[in-house]
Amino acid sequence: MRIAQGLIDEMVAHAREDLPNECCGMVGGRDGEATRLIRVENAAASPLRFEMDPQGQYDALKEIEADGGELLAIYHSHTKSAAYPSQTDVNQAVNWPDAIYLIVSLQDQAAPDVKAYWLKDLRIADAELVVE
C-alpha cells in the first residue's frame, strides 16, 4: 500500500490525542494508494485494545465508498507496546480479512513507529507500506 507521509502524520496525531487509550480508524483509497483517513471512536475506551464503534465504522465505510474508493486498511495504536499485532488484534481481524492492518506504536513517544500487516486466517504477515 502506498500512503502519503501526511496521512501517517494524521494517524500519529490521532494516537497521541486519544492517549491514554488506543485510537482506531479506517483508511480508504484506490488501486493500493491511500487517499484518506477516517477516525472511528474506540468504543472500548481502553489503553489495551480497540473496538471500532459500529455506527462510526458504518459511516466511515459509506464515506470511503461515496468517494469511489475502497477500504484499504484499518489502523489502531499501541500505547506502550511495539507496532506488532497482539493476539487480540489477530483474533479481531477475522472480521476484515482483506484489509491491511496499520499499527501506530507510541512505545517511544519521541519516535512513533508505524508498521503494516496482513492478518488473515489467524496468521501475521508483513504488508508492504510505501510512504511517499
N, C-alpha and C. Protein backbone atom coordinates (compact mmCIF):
# COMPACT_ATOMS: atom_id res chain seq x y z
N MET A 1 0.85 -1.17 0.00
CA MET A 1 0.00 0.00 0.00
C MET A 1 0.89 1.24 0.00
N ARG A 2 0.53 2.20 -0.82
CA ARG A 2 1.23 3.48 -0.84
C ARG A 2 0.43 4.47 0.01
N ILE A 3 1.16 5.27 0.78
CA ILE A 3 0.50 6.23 1.66
C ILE A 3 1.37 7.48 1.80
N ALA A 4 0.74 8.63 1.79
CA ALA A 4 1.46 9.90 1.94
C ALA A 4 1.91 10.07 3.39
N GLN A 5 3.05 10.71 3.56
CA GLN A 5 3.56 10.99 4.90
C GLN A 5 2.54 11.78 5.71
N GLY A 6 1.78 12.63 5.05
CA GLY A 6 0.75 13.42 5.74
C GLY A 6 -0.30 12.55 6.41
N LEU A 7 -0.68 11.44 5.77
CA LEU A 7 -1.67 10.53 6.38
C LEU A 7 -1.05 9.77 7.55
N ILE A 8 0.23 9.42 7.43
CA ILE A 8 0.93 8.79 8.57
C ILE A 8 0.94 9.78 9.74
N ASP A 9 1.25 11.03 9.44
CA ASP A 9 1.28 12.06 10.49
C ASP A 9 -0.09 12.22 11.15
N GLU A 10 -1.17 12.12 10.36
CA GLU A 10 -2.53 12.20 10.91
C GLU A 10 -2.81 11.04 11.86
N MET A 11 -2.36 9.84 11.49
CA MET A 11 -2.56 8.67 12.35
C MET A 11 -1.81 8.84 13.68
N VAL A 12 -0.57 9.32 13.59
CA VAL A 12 0.23 9.53 14.80
C VAL A 12 -0.42 10.59 15.68
N ALA A 13 -0.91 11.67 15.07
CA ALA A 13 -1.59 12.72 15.84
C ALA A 13 -2.83 12.16 16.53
N HIS A 14 -3.60 11.33 15.83
CA HIS A 14 -4.79 10.72 16.41
C HIS A 14 -4.40 9.84 17.59
N ALA A 15 -3.35 9.04 17.42
CA ALA A 15 -2.88 8.17 18.50
C ALA A 15 -2.51 8.99 19.74
N ARG A 16 -1.81 10.09 19.52
CA ARG A 16 -1.40 10.94 20.66
C ARG A 16 -2.61 11.60 21.33
N GLU A 17 -3.56 12.05 20.52
CA GLU A 17 -4.75 12.73 21.06
C GLU A 17 -5.60 11.79 21.91
N ASP A 18 -5.64 10.52 21.54
CA ASP A 18 -6.50 9.57 22.25
C ASP A 18 -5.84 8.92 23.47
N LEU A 19 -4.57 9.25 23.72
CA LEU A 19 -3.93 8.71 24.93
C LEU A 19 -4.74 9.07 26.16
N PRO A 20 -4.88 8.25 27.16
CA PRO A 20 -4.12 7.01 27.36
C PRO A 20 -4.68 5.81 26.61
N ASN A 21 -5.78 6.00 25.86
CA ASN A 21 -6.42 4.88 25.17
C ASN A 21 -5.88 4.68 23.77
N GLU A 22 -6.12 3.50 23.22
CA GLU A 22 -5.79 3.24 21.82
C GLU A 22 -6.77 4.00 20.94
N CYS A 23 -6.30 4.41 19.76
CA CYS A 23 -7.18 5.02 18.77
C CYS A 23 -7.43 3.99 17.68
N CYS A 24 -8.39 4.29 16.80
CA CYS A 24 -8.65 3.41 15.67
C CYS A 24 -9.33 4.18 14.55
N GLY A 25 -9.28 3.60 13.36
CA GLY A 25 -9.91 4.24 12.21
C GLY A 25 -9.72 3.42 10.96
N MET A 26 -10.15 4.00 9.84
CA MET A 26 -10.11 3.31 8.56
C MET A 26 -9.37 4.16 7.54
N VAL A 27 -8.75 3.50 6.58
CA VAL A 27 -8.03 4.16 5.51
C VAL A 27 -8.66 3.74 4.20
N GLY A 28 -9.08 4.73 3.42
CA GLY A 28 -9.67 4.46 2.12
C GLY A 28 -8.74 4.86 1.01
N GLY A 29 -8.99 4.32 -0.17
CA GLY A 29 -8.17 4.69 -1.32
C GLY A 29 -8.56 3.91 -2.55
N ARG A 30 -7.67 4.00 -3.55
CA ARG A 30 -7.91 3.33 -4.82
C ARG A 30 -6.60 2.72 -5.31
N ASP A 31 -6.70 1.57 -5.93
CA ASP A 31 -5.55 0.93 -6.57
C ASP A 31 -4.33 0.84 -5.66
N GLY A 32 -4.57 0.52 -4.40
CA GLY A 32 -3.46 0.34 -3.47
C GLY A 32 -2.84 1.62 -2.95
N GLU A 33 -3.46 2.76 -3.26
CA GLU A 33 -2.94 4.04 -2.78
C GLU A 33 -3.94 4.67 -1.81
N ALA A 34 -3.47 4.91 -0.58
CA ALA A 34 -4.33 5.53 0.43
C ALA A 34 -4.59 6.98 0.07
N THR A 35 -5.86 7.38 0.16
CA THR A 35 -6.21 8.76 -0.17
C THR A 35 -6.86 9.49 1.00
N ARG A 36 -7.36 8.75 1.97
CA ARG A 36 -8.00 9.42 3.11
C ARG A 36 -8.01 8.53 4.34
N LEU A 37 -8.06 9.22 5.47
CA LEU A 37 -8.09 8.57 6.77
C LEU A 37 -9.36 9.02 7.47
N ILE A 38 -10.08 8.09 8.06
CA ILE A 38 -11.29 8.45 8.79
C ILE A 38 -11.18 7.88 10.21
N ARG A 39 -11.24 8.78 11.17
CA ARG A 39 -11.18 8.36 12.57
C ARG A 39 -12.50 7.70 12.96
N VAL A 40 -12.38 6.65 13.77
CA VAL A 40 -13.56 5.98 14.32
C VAL A 40 -13.34 5.88 15.83
N GLU A 41 -14.38 6.16 16.58
CA GLU A 41 -14.27 6.12 18.04
C GLU A 41 -13.93 4.71 18.52
N ASN A 42 -13.03 4.64 19.48
CA ASN A 42 -12.73 3.37 20.13
C ASN A 42 -13.77 3.16 21.22
N ALA A 43 -14.77 2.33 20.93
CA ALA A 43 -15.87 2.11 21.87
C ALA A 43 -15.40 1.42 23.15
N ALA A 44 -14.26 0.73 23.09
CA ALA A 44 -13.72 0.07 24.28
C ALA A 44 -13.09 1.08 25.24
N ALA A 45 -12.69 2.24 24.72
CA ALA A 45 -12.04 3.28 25.53
C ALA A 45 -11.00 2.66 26.45
N SER A 46 -10.07 1.92 25.85
CA SER A 46 -9.10 1.15 26.61
C SER A 46 -7.68 1.41 26.11
N PRO A 47 -6.70 1.40 27.02
CA PRO A 47 -5.31 1.52 26.59
C PRO A 47 -4.74 0.18 26.09
N LEU A 48 -5.53 -0.89 26.19
CA LEU A 48 -5.03 -2.23 25.86
C LEU A 48 -5.68 -2.85 24.63
N ARG A 49 -6.79 -2.28 24.15
CA ARG A 49 -7.45 -2.86 22.98
C ARG A 49 -8.34 -1.81 22.32
N PHE A 50 -8.74 -2.11 21.10
CA PHE A 50 -9.67 -1.21 20.42
C PHE A 50 -10.88 -1.99 19.94
N GLU A 51 -11.98 -1.28 19.86
CA GLU A 51 -13.23 -1.83 19.33
C GLU A 51 -13.89 -0.68 18.58
N MET A 52 -13.89 -0.77 17.25
CA MET A 52 -14.47 0.33 16.47
C MET A 52 -15.96 0.45 16.77
N ASP A 53 -16.38 1.68 17.05
CA ASP A 53 -17.79 1.97 17.25
C ASP A 53 -18.55 1.52 16.00
N PRO A 54 -19.58 0.67 16.14
CA PRO A 54 -20.28 0.13 14.96
C PRO A 54 -20.85 1.21 14.03
N GLN A 55 -21.48 2.24 14.59
CA GLN A 55 -22.05 3.28 13.73
C GLN A 55 -20.94 4.07 13.05
N GLY A 56 -19.87 4.35 13.78
CA GLY A 56 -18.74 5.06 13.21
C GLY A 56 -18.08 4.27 12.09
N GLN A 57 -18.00 2.97 12.29
CA GLN A 57 -17.43 2.07 11.29
C GLN A 57 -18.29 2.10 10.02
N TYR A 58 -19.58 2.00 10.19
CA TYR A 58 -20.52 2.03 9.06
C TYR A 58 -20.41 3.36 8.32
N ASP A 59 -20.41 4.46 9.07
CA ASP A 59 -20.33 5.79 8.45
C ASP A 59 -19.02 5.97 7.69
N ALA A 60 -17.92 5.48 8.27
CA ALA A 60 -16.62 5.60 7.61
C ALA A 60 -16.61 4.83 6.29
N LEU A 61 -17.15 3.62 6.29
CA LEU A 61 -17.22 2.84 5.05
C LEU A 61 -18.05 3.53 3.99
N LYS A 62 -19.16 4.10 4.40
CA LYS A 62 -20.03 4.82 3.46
C LYS A 62 -19.30 6.02 2.87
N GLU A 63 -18.54 6.75 3.69
CA GLU A 63 -17.76 7.90 3.20
C GLU A 63 -16.73 7.47 2.18
N ILE A 64 -16.03 6.40 2.48
CA ILE A 64 -14.99 5.89 1.58
C ILE A 64 -15.61 5.49 0.24
N GLU A 65 -16.73 4.77 0.30
CA GLU A 65 -17.39 4.31 -0.92
C GLU A 65 -18.02 5.46 -1.70
N ALA A 66 -18.52 6.48 -1.01
CA ALA A 66 -19.12 7.63 -1.68
C ALA A 66 -18.10 8.37 -2.53
N ASP A 67 -16.84 8.30 -2.14
CA ASP A 67 -15.75 8.93 -2.90
C ASP A 67 -15.26 8.04 -4.03
N GLY A 68 -15.89 6.88 -4.20
CA GLY A 68 -15.45 5.95 -5.23
C GLY A 68 -14.25 5.12 -4.81
N GLY A 69 -13.97 5.10 -3.51
CA GLY A 69 -12.83 4.36 -3.00
C GLY A 69 -13.23 3.03 -2.40
N GLU A 70 -12.24 2.37 -1.81
CA GLU A 70 -12.47 1.11 -1.13
C GLU A 70 -11.67 1.12 0.17
N LEU A 71 -12.07 0.27 1.09
CA LEU A 71 -11.34 0.14 2.34
C LEU A 71 -10.01 -0.55 2.05
N LEU A 72 -8.90 0.14 2.35
CA LEU A 72 -7.58 -0.44 2.16
C LEU A 72 -7.00 -0.95 3.47
N ALA A 73 -7.27 -0.20 4.55
CA ALA A 73 -6.62 -0.56 5.82
C ALA A 73 -7.46 -0.14 7.01
N ILE A 74 -7.18 -0.81 8.11
CA ILE A 74 -7.71 -0.46 9.42
C ILE A 74 -6.49 -0.12 10.26
N TYR A 75 -6.58 1.00 10.97
CA TYR A 75 -5.43 1.36 11.81
C TYR A 75 -5.84 1.46 13.27
N HIS A 76 -4.86 1.24 14.13
CA HIS A 76 -5.05 1.49 15.56
C HIS A 76 -3.68 1.71 16.19
N SER A 77 -3.70 2.14 17.42
CA SER A 77 -2.44 2.43 18.10
C SER A 77 -2.17 1.43 19.22
N HIS A 78 -0.90 1.30 19.52
CA HIS A 78 -0.44 0.59 20.72
C HIS A 78 0.21 1.65 21.59
N THR A 79 -0.32 1.82 22.77
CA THR A 79 0.12 2.92 23.62
C THR A 79 1.46 2.67 24.30
N LYS A 80 1.77 1.42 24.60
CA LYS A 80 3.00 1.11 25.33
C LYS A 80 3.77 -0.08 24.77
N SER A 81 3.32 -0.61 23.64
CA SER A 81 4.00 -1.78 23.07
C SER A 81 4.39 -1.51 21.62
N ALA A 82 5.17 -2.42 21.08
CA ALA A 82 5.68 -2.27 19.71
C ALA A 82 4.56 -2.32 18.67
N ALA A 83 4.90 -1.89 17.47
CA ALA A 83 3.96 -1.91 16.34
C ALA A 83 3.91 -3.32 15.75
N TYR A 84 3.43 -4.24 16.57
CA TYR A 84 3.29 -5.64 16.16
C TYR A 84 1.95 -6.14 16.69
N PRO A 85 1.20 -6.90 15.88
CA PRO A 85 -0.14 -7.32 16.30
C PRO A 85 -0.15 -8.18 17.56
N SER A 86 -1.08 -7.86 18.43
CA SER A 86 -1.31 -8.69 19.61
C SER A 86 -2.22 -9.85 19.21
N GLN A 87 -2.37 -10.82 20.09
CA GLN A 87 -3.28 -11.93 19.79
C GLN A 87 -4.70 -11.41 19.65
N THR A 88 -5.07 -10.40 20.42
CA THR A 88 -6.40 -9.79 20.30
C THR A 88 -6.58 -9.18 18.92
N ASP A 89 -5.55 -8.48 18.42
CA ASP A 89 -5.62 -7.89 17.08
C ASP A 89 -5.85 -8.97 16.03
N VAL A 90 -5.11 -10.06 16.14
CA VAL A 90 -5.22 -11.17 15.19
C VAL A 90 -6.63 -11.78 15.24
N ASN A 91 -7.13 -11.99 16.43
CA ASN A 91 -8.47 -12.58 16.59
C ASN A 91 -9.55 -11.67 16.00
N GLN A 92 -9.43 -10.35 16.22
CA GLN A 92 -10.44 -9.41 15.71
C GLN A 92 -10.39 -9.29 14.19
N ALA A 93 -9.24 -9.56 13.61
CA ALA A 93 -9.07 -9.36 12.17
C ALA A 93 -9.91 -10.32 11.33
N VAL A 94 -10.47 -11.34 11.92
CA VAL A 94 -11.31 -12.26 11.14
C VAL A 94 -12.51 -11.52 10.54
N ASN A 95 -12.88 -10.39 11.13
CA ASN A 95 -14.00 -9.60 10.61
C ASN A 95 -13.65 -8.85 9.34
N TRP A 96 -12.37 -8.54 9.12
CA TRP A 96 -11.91 -7.77 7.96
C TRP A 96 -10.67 -8.46 7.38
N PRO A 97 -10.80 -9.65 6.81
CA PRO A 97 -9.62 -10.41 6.39
C PRO A 97 -8.86 -9.83 5.20
N ASP A 98 -9.49 -8.94 4.42
CA ASP A 98 -8.83 -8.42 3.23
C ASP A 98 -8.21 -7.05 3.44
N ALA A 99 -8.31 -6.51 4.63
CA ALA A 99 -7.73 -5.19 4.92
C ALA A 99 -6.30 -5.34 5.43
N ILE A 100 -5.50 -4.34 5.16
CA ILE A 100 -4.18 -4.25 5.77
C ILE A 100 -4.40 -3.66 7.16
N TYR A 101 -3.61 -4.08 8.12
CA TYR A 101 -3.71 -3.55 9.48
C TYR A 101 -2.47 -2.71 9.76
N LEU A 102 -2.72 -1.43 10.02
CA LEU A 102 -1.64 -0.49 10.36
C LEU A 102 -1.63 -0.30 11.86
N ILE A 103 -0.46 -0.41 12.45
CA ILE A 103 -0.32 -0.22 13.89
C ILE A 103 0.64 0.93 14.15
N VAL A 104 0.16 1.91 14.92
CA VAL A 104 0.97 3.05 15.32
C VAL A 104 1.44 2.80 16.75
N SER A 105 2.74 2.64 16.93
CA SER A 105 3.27 2.42 18.27
C SER A 105 3.76 3.72 18.87
N LEU A 106 3.30 3.99 20.09
CA LEU A 106 3.78 5.14 20.85
C LEU A 106 4.65 4.67 22.01
N GLN A 107 5.23 3.47 21.87
CA GLN A 107 6.11 2.94 22.91
C GLN A 107 7.24 3.93 23.18
N ASP A 108 7.80 4.50 22.12
CA ASP A 108 8.78 5.58 22.24
C ASP A 108 8.09 6.83 21.73
N GLN A 109 7.59 7.65 22.65
CA GLN A 109 6.80 8.83 22.28
C GLN A 109 7.53 9.77 21.33
N ALA A 110 8.85 9.84 21.47
CA ALA A 110 9.63 10.75 20.63
C ALA A 110 9.82 10.21 19.21
N ALA A 111 9.63 8.92 19.03
CA ALA A 111 9.84 8.30 17.72
C ALA A 111 8.73 7.28 17.44
N PRO A 112 7.52 7.75 17.12
CA PRO A 112 6.43 6.82 16.83
C PRO A 112 6.80 5.91 15.66
N ASP A 113 6.29 4.69 15.70
CA ASP A 113 6.60 3.69 14.68
C ASP A 113 5.30 3.21 14.07
N VAL A 114 5.24 3.11 12.74
CA VAL A 114 4.04 2.63 12.04
C VAL A 114 4.45 1.46 11.17
N LYS A 115 3.76 0.33 11.35
CA LYS A 115 4.02 -0.88 10.58
C LYS A 115 2.71 -1.40 10.00
N ALA A 116 2.83 -2.20 8.93
CA ALA A 116 1.66 -2.73 8.24
C ALA A 116 1.71 -4.26 8.19
N TYR A 117 0.54 -4.87 8.37
CA TYR A 117 0.45 -6.33 8.40
C TYR A 117 -0.80 -6.82 7.69
N TRP A 118 -0.70 -8.04 7.18
CA TRP A 118 -1.87 -8.80 6.75
C TRP A 118 -2.19 -9.72 7.92
N LEU A 119 -3.43 -9.72 8.35
CA LEU A 119 -3.87 -10.60 9.43
C LEU A 119 -5.01 -11.46 8.89
N LYS A 120 -4.63 -12.55 8.24
CA LYS A 120 -5.62 -13.40 7.59
C LYS A 120 -5.46 -14.82 8.08
N ASP A 121 -6.58 -15.49 8.29
CA ASP A 121 -6.58 -16.88 8.75
C ASP A 121 -5.78 -17.04 10.05
N LEU A 122 -5.88 -16.05 10.93
CA LEU A 122 -5.21 -16.05 12.24
C LEU A 122 -3.68 -16.10 12.12
N ARG A 123 -3.16 -15.60 10.99
CA ARG A 123 -1.72 -15.53 10.78
C ARG A 123 -1.29 -14.08 10.60
N ILE A 124 -0.04 -13.81 10.94
CA ILE A 124 0.53 -12.46 10.80
C ILE A 124 1.56 -12.49 9.68
N ALA A 125 1.42 -11.57 8.73
CA ALA A 125 2.41 -11.44 7.64
C ALA A 125 2.68 -9.96 7.42
N ASP A 126 3.92 -9.61 7.17
CA ASP A 126 4.26 -8.21 6.88
C ASP A 126 3.56 -7.79 5.59
N ALA A 127 3.07 -6.56 5.57
CA ALA A 127 2.48 -5.97 4.36
C ALA A 127 3.41 -4.84 3.92
N GLU A 128 3.51 -4.66 2.62
CA GLU A 128 4.35 -3.59 2.11
C GLU A 128 3.69 -2.24 2.38
N LEU A 129 4.46 -1.32 2.92
CA LEU A 129 3.97 0.04 3.19
C LEU A 129 4.99 1.00 2.60
N VAL A 130 4.57 1.69 1.54
CA VAL A 130 5.45 2.65 0.87
C VAL A 130 4.98 4.04 1.27
N VAL A 131 5.81 4.75 2.03
CA VAL A 131 5.47 6.09 2.48
C VAL A 131 6.10 7.09 1.52
N GLU A 132 5.24 7.92 0.96
CA GLU A 132 5.70 8.88 -0.06
C GLU A 132 5.62 10.31 0.43
